[in-house]
Structure formats: C-alpha cells, structure tokens
Protein backbone atom coordinates (compact mmCIF):
# COMPACT_ATOMS: atom_id res chain seq x y z
CA UNK A 1 30.50 -21.20 7.95
CA UNK A 2 31.35 -17.55 8.40
CA UNK A 3 29.15 -14.99 6.70
CA UNK A 4 29.60 -11.27 6.36
CA UNK A 5 26.62 -9.03 7.12
CA UNK A 6 26.03 -8.51 3.40
CA UNK A 7 26.05 -12.26 2.72
CA UNK A 8 23.69 -12.93 5.62
CA UNK A 9 21.30 -10.18 4.52
CA UNK A 10 21.16 -11.47 0.94
CA UNK A 11 20.65 -15.07 2.10
CA UNK A 12 17.65 -14.15 4.28
CA UNK A 13 16.25 -11.40 2.05
CA UNK A 14 16.81 -8.36 4.28
CA UNK A 15 19.06 -5.33 4.17
CA UNK A 16 22.29 -4.99 6.19
CA UNK A 17 20.73 -2.00 7.91
CA UNK A 18 17.80 -4.15 9.10
CA UNK A 19 20.20 -6.82 10.35
CA UNK A 20 22.14 -4.22 12.34
CA UNK A 21 18.89 -2.87 13.80
CA UNK A 22 17.79 -6.37 14.89
CA UNK A 23 21.15 -6.75 16.61
CA UNK A 24 20.75 -3.42 18.39
CA UNK A 25 17.42 -4.46 19.95
CA UNK A 26 18.56 -7.96 20.88
CA UNK A 27 16.80 -10.05 18.23
CA UNK A 28 20.19 -11.27 17.04
CA UNK A 29 23.11 -11.98 19.37
CA UNK A 30 26.27 -9.94 19.10
CA UNK A 31 28.31 -11.60 16.29
CA UNK A 32 31.95 -12.55 16.33
CA UNK A 33 34.29 -10.12 14.64
CA UNK A 34 37.41 -10.41 12.52
CA UNK A 35 40.72 -8.77 13.33
CA UNK A 36 39.55 -5.92 11.16
CA UNK A 37 36.39 -5.59 13.29
CA UNK A 38 34.04 -6.94 10.58
CA UNK A 39 30.98 -8.85 11.71
CA UNK A 40 30.91 -12.60 11.08
CA UNK A 41 27.72 -14.68 11.28
CA UNK A 42 27.07 -18.42 11.49
CA UNK A 43 24.34 -20.95 10.62
CA UNK A 44 22.45 -20.26 13.86
CA UNK A 45 22.19 -16.60 12.92
CA UNK A 46 20.66 -17.54 9.55
CA UNK A 47 18.05 -19.71 11.28
CA UNK A 48 17.25 -17.10 13.94
CA UNK A 49 16.97 -14.27 11.43
CA UNK A 50 14.71 -16.41 9.23
CA UNK A 51 12.42 -16.98 12.24
CA UNK A 52 12.33 -13.25 12.93
CA UNK A 53 11.43 -12.49 9.33
CA UNK A 54 8.69 -15.14 9.28
CA UNK A 55 7.14 -13.94 12.55
CA UNK A 56 7.10 -10.28 11.54
CA UNK A 57 5.51 -11.26 8.22
CA UNK A 58 2.73 -12.94 10.20
CA UNK A 59 1.99 -9.65 11.93
CA UNK A 60 3.88 -9.85 15.22
CA UNK A 61 5.49 -6.73 16.59
CA UNK A 62 9.24 -6.86 17.21
CA UNK A 63 8.53 -6.92 20.96
CA UNK A 64 6.33 -10.00 20.50
CA UNK A 65 8.96 -11.60 18.24
CA UNK A 66 11.58 -11.15 20.95
CA UNK A 67 9.28 -12.87 23.44
CA UNK A 68 8.47 -15.76 21.08
CA UNK A 69 12.01 -16.60 19.99
CA UNK A 70 13.11 -16.54 23.61
CA UNK A 71 10.87 -19.52 24.43
CA UNK A 72 10.54 -23.06 23.05
CA UNK A 73 8.27 -23.14 20.00
CA UNK A 74 5.77 -25.55 21.54
CA UNK A 75 5.23 -23.22 24.51
CA UNK A 76 4.38 -20.13 22.45
CA UNK A 77 2.84 -21.24 19.15
CA UNK A 78 -0.79 -21.68 20.26
CA UNK A 79 -0.83 -18.45 22.26
CA UNK A 80 0.74 -16.50 19.40
CA UNK A 81 -1.55 -17.99 16.78
CA UNK A 82 -4.62 -17.22 18.88
CA UNK A 83 -3.55 -13.58 19.24
CA UNK A 84 -2.73 -13.31 15.54
CA UNK A 85 -6.10 -14.75 14.60
CA UNK A 86 -7.92 -12.31 16.90
CA UNK A 87 -6.04 -9.37 15.41
CA UNK A 88 -6.63 -10.60 11.87
CA UNK A 89 -10.38 -10.92 12.47
CA UNK A 90 -10.42 -7.35 13.77
CA UNK A 91 -8.55 -6.12 10.68
CA UNK A 92 -10.98 -8.02 8.45
CA UNK A 93 -13.94 -6.27 10.13
CA UNK A 94 -12.28 -2.88 9.63
CA UNK A 95 -11.53 -3.71 5.99
CA UNK A 96 -15.14 -4.76 5.39
CA UNK A 97 -16.42 -1.48 6.87
CA UNK A 98 -14.04 0.45 4.62
CA UNK A 99 -15.25 -1.55 1.64
CA UNK A 100 -18.86 -0.75 2.50
CA UNK A 101 -18.01 2.95 2.71
CA UNK A 102 -16.29 2.80 -0.68
CA UNK A 103 -19.27 0.99 -2.20
CA UNK A 104 -21.69 3.60 -0.77
CA UNK A 105 -19.64 6.46 -2.21
CA UNK A 106 -19.38 4.75 -5.59
CA UNK A 107 -23.08 4.01 -5.54
CA UNK A 108 -23.98 7.66 -5.05
CA UNK A 109 -21.41 9.10 -7.45
CA UNK A 110 -20.25 11.51 -4.74
CA UNK A 111 -16.70 12.71 -4.22
CA UNK A 112 -14.46 10.69 -1.93
CA UNK A 113 -14.52 13.28 0.88
CA UNK A 114 -18.32 13.28 1.17
CA UNK A 115 -19.97 11.78 4.22
CA UNK A 116 -21.43 8.54 2.73
CA UNK A 117 -24.54 8.94 4.85
CA UNK A 118 -25.44 12.17 3.07
CA UNK A 119 -23.56 11.71 -0.21
CA UNK A 120 -26.60 10.83 -2.32
CA UNK A 121 -28.38 14.00 -1.26
CA UNK A 122 -25.32 16.13 -2.03
CA UNK A 123 -25.20 14.73 -5.55
CA UNK A 124 -28.89 15.48 -5.96
CA UNK A 125 -28.36 19.02 -4.69
CA UNK A 126 -25.52 19.57 -7.17
CA UNK A 127 -27.77 18.43 -10.02
CA UNK A 128 -30.78 20.48 -8.94
CA UNK A 129 -31.65 23.96 -10.15
CA UNK A 130 -30.12 25.69 -7.16
CA UNK A 131 -27.90 28.70 -6.88
CA UNK A 132 -24.18 28.22 -6.37
CA UNK A 133 -24.61 29.54 -2.82
CA UNK A 134 -27.32 26.96 -2.03
CA UNK A 135 -25.21 24.07 -3.32
CA UNK A 136 -22.15 25.35 -1.47
CA UNK A 137 -24.10 25.75 1.75
CA UNK A 138 -25.43 22.18 1.49
CA UNK A 139 -21.86 20.90 1.42
CA UNK A 140 -20.85 23.16 4.31
CA UNK A 141 -23.85 21.95 6.30
CA UNK A 142 -22.98 18.29 5.78
CA UNK A 143 -19.32 18.86 6.66
CA UNK A 144 -20.23 20.83 9.80
CA UNK A 145 -22.76 18.26 11.01
CA UNK A 146 -20.26 15.46 10.36
CA UNK A 147 -17.52 17.23 12.32
CA UNK A 148 -19.45 18.86 15.14
CA UNK A 149 -23.06 17.72 15.08
CA UNK A 150 -24.83 15.93 17.91
CA UNK A 151 -27.08 12.92 17.42
CA UNK A 152 -29.96 15.40 17.31
CA UNK A 153 -28.23 17.40 14.56
CA UNK A 154 -27.61 14.30 12.47
CA UNK A 155 -31.22 13.18 12.88
CA UNK A 156 -32.42 16.64 11.85
CA UNK A 157 -30.22 16.70 8.75
CA UNK A 158 -31.24 13.15 7.79
CA UNK A 159 -34.89 14.11 8.12
CA UNK A 160 -34.46 17.30 6.10
CA UNK A 161 -32.67 15.44 3.32
CA UNK A 162 -35.11 12.53 3.36
CA UNK A 163 -38.12 14.84 3.10
CA UNK A 164 -36.54 17.59 1.02
CA UNK A 165 -38.72 17.06 -2.04
CA UNK A 166 -41.93 16.97 -0.02
CA UNK A 167 -40.93 19.96 2.11
CA UNK A 168 -40.27 22.05 -0.99
CA UNK A 169 -43.99 21.82 -1.82
CA UNK A 170 -45.18 23.02 1.59
CA UNK A 171 -46.18 26.70 1.75
CA UNK A 172 -44.23 27.15 5.00
CA UNK A 173 -40.96 26.07 3.40
CA UNK A 174 -41.71 27.76 0.12
CA UNK A 175 -41.99 30.97 2.11
CA UNK A 176 -38.53 30.43 3.60
CA UNK A 177 -37.05 29.68 0.18
CA UNK A 178 -38.60 32.86 -1.19
CA UNK A 179 -37.15 34.86 1.69
CA UNK A 180 -33.70 33.36 1.02
CA UNK A 181 -33.91 34.82 -2.48
CA UNK A 182 -34.99 38.17 -1.01
CA UNK A 183 -32.01 38.03 1.32
CA UNK A 184 -29.64 37.31 -1.58
CA UNK A 185 -31.05 40.34 -3.41
CA UNK A 186 -30.84 42.67 -0.39
CA UNK A 187 -28.52 45.56 -1.33
CA UNK A 188 -25.49 46.44 0.76
CA UNK A 189 -27.01 49.86 1.49
CA UNK A 190 -30.40 48.49 2.59
CA UNK A 191 -32.39 50.81 4.84
CA UNK A 192 -33.34 50.03 8.42
CA UNK A 193 -36.92 49.58 7.28
CA UNK A 194 -35.90 47.00 4.64
CA UNK A 195 -33.75 45.08 7.13
CA UNK A 196 -36.48 45.07 9.78
CA UNK A 197 -39.19 44.02 7.32
CA UNK A 198 -37.15 41.09 6.01
CA UNK A 199 -36.11 39.96 9.50
CA UNK A 200 -39.73 40.02 10.71
CA UNK A 201 -40.84 38.04 7.67
CA UNK A 202 -38.15 35.44 8.36
CA UNK A 203 -39.17 35.10 12.01
CA UNK A 204 -42.81 34.57 11.07
CA UNK A 205 -41.87 32.03 8.37
CA UNK A 206 -39.60 30.10 10.74
CA UNK A 207 -42.34 29.90 13.36
CA UNK A 208 -44.70 28.41 10.77
CA UNK A 209 -42.09 26.00 9.38
CA UNK A 210 -41.24 24.74 12.88
CA UNK A 211 -44.68 23.16 13.05
CA UNK A 212 -43.81 20.86 10.14
CA UNK A 213 -41.11 19.05 12.11
CA UNK A 214 -42.39 15.83 13.69
CA UNK A 215 -41.85 14.92 17.37
CA UNK A 216 -38.28 13.82 18.01
CA UNK A 217 -36.77 16.04 15.33
CA UNK A 218 -35.17 19.23 16.61
CA UNK A 219 -36.45 22.53 15.22
CA UNK A 220 -33.01 24.14 15.40
CA UNK A 221 -29.37 23.05 15.37
CA UNK A 222 -27.51 22.48 18.62
CA UNK A 223 -25.86 25.67 19.99
CA UNK A 224 -22.28 24.68 19.11
CA UNK A 225 -23.18 23.69 15.56
CA UNK A 226 -25.41 26.74 15.14
CA UNK A 227 -22.55 29.06 16.09
CA UNK A 228 -20.27 27.48 13.49
CA UNK A 229 -22.93 27.56 10.77
CA UNK A 230 -23.77 31.17 11.59
CA UNK A 231 -20.11 32.16 11.29
CA UNK A 232 -19.72 30.29 7.99
CA UNK A 233 -22.90 31.87 6.64
CA UNK A 234 -21.95 35.38 7.75
CA UNK A 235 -18.65 35.12 5.90
CA UNK A 236 -20.65 34.77 2.69
CA UNK A 237 -23.05 37.68 3.33
CA UNK A 238 -22.92 41.45 3.21
CA UNK A 239 -23.26 43.56 6.35
CA UNK A 240 -26.95 44.23 5.68
CA UNK A 241 -27.65 40.53 5.14
CA UNK A 242 -25.74 39.61 8.30
CA UNK A 243 -27.84 42.08 10.28
CA UNK A 244 -31.03 40.42 9.06
CA UNK A 245 -29.71 37.01 10.12
CA UNK A 246 -28.55 38.37 13.49
CA UNK A 247 -32.03 39.68 14.28
CA UNK A 248 -33.64 36.41 13.25
CA UNK A 249 -31.26 34.37 15.41
CA UNK A 250 -31.78 36.63 18.41
CA UNK A 251 -35.54 36.43 18.09
CA UNK A 252 -35.50 32.65 17.75
CA UNK A 253 -33.24 32.25 20.76
CA UNK A 254 -35.60 34.51 22.71
CA UNK A 255 -38.61 32.43 21.71
CA UNK A 256 -39.74 34.45 18.72
CA UNK A 257 -39.77 37.90 20.36
CA UNK A 258 -39.20 40.81 17.97
CA UNK A 259 -35.98 42.83 18.58
C-alpha cells in the first residue's frame, strides 16, 4: 500500500513534521515519490516508525534508537534493557530525593525557595518577636551560606540555629543583641566618640561570645562569605553604622586590636 506522509503520521500517532525529521537523521529511509514529488510510504515504513516511537517512549535517545534498529532485535534487546533499567533506577533515586526535599519543605511550612536544611529555623524566625531587619538578615544569611558557604560555614549556621534559644539566654549573646539595637538606633550624624564607643563595645562582646562556641565550630565566617555578608549588611546601614561595623571587622581580623 502507498501512504502519504499525513496518512502515515496519523496511523502511527506522530506529526508529519516529526516524520520528516526522522527521515532527515536517517531513522526512516528516503521514501519513493510520485510524479508530483509527493512522498509515498509502505508497510515497512509503518513498522519501522512504530519501532522508533516505541523505543523513544522507553527512554532511548534518537542516537541509541538508530543503533538499535540497525541491528537484529535479539542482538540488542538485553543490552538496551540493561541500560534502560540502570538509567531508570538513577531517575528513581533523583525523584525520591526531590520528594524528600518537598516533604521537608511542607513539614516546616517554609516557602519553596528556602534551603530545606534551615527552613524550620527561618519559619521560627519569621514568627518570633524580631525586627524586620533581623528577619530579613536571617534569610539573607541562609541564602548566602547556601550559595557560597564552606562546610565550616554550614556547620556554624547549623549550630547557631540549633542552639539559638539557649544562646539567647547567655549574657554574652544578650550583650551582642543589645548592641545590635544600639547600632540600629545610631543616628546618621553620630559623633566620633559615639562611633568609637559602640565599636569598642562590640569588639569586647564578640571576644566574650567567641568563648561560647565549642571546638570544631568556627568563631567567624569564611573570608569569602564574610565579604558578601558584610556588603549585604552595609547596603542596609547608614554611613555611621557602616563605620562601626568596619572598625569591628578590622579589629577582629587583627585579633581584637583596637583601631
């Protein structure tokens, strides 16, 4: 029987465009043509195109399909099935990991873009009696650690989040929280004396708080992450507040020495 490209496509369940593409890459042989240069297909083309459709539906690439249909079925079936099974098992593992991530996000009530590892803490932060800046900075911190943090940074953040409630009761961390409020209240036209006094108080408080970190947990962020966090923080502060933070950072990098 002679079939036009439209008849062949409908019979197999493809589009004429797909049939033409399969011809162009050699999956179908060049068909006979009428005097008017219309393509004409036969029974063998129906069978071959059906095989191509079935193999692609199983997950083979068109390159693999071309290799398979060029050999006897009994020579290629076991090899192809083994490869398909291996690939399917890999896809199943990936799907299961994605499902676990979805379940973790749903379980915490966090937004879909949150790092699942820290999502529960972010939700808790958003529900706590914190300032908008504190909640915003928590999200920025998680995003920055996720994107740029080292293993040490992630361990530090996990520890801070895991012990956040307990740390908030320690005098050393209460002092830092109090200073954060002083920093937020620092006027744009703060005097040199006010800036120096607040910076010195921060340095002293940081030195005390460092002692609360257990062995194996870094006292500061890695240099690359610290630079990014500093830049993000500075964009949210006034010039006077930035100057306080600059002096604190310099002193901490220098081992606690005052400017």
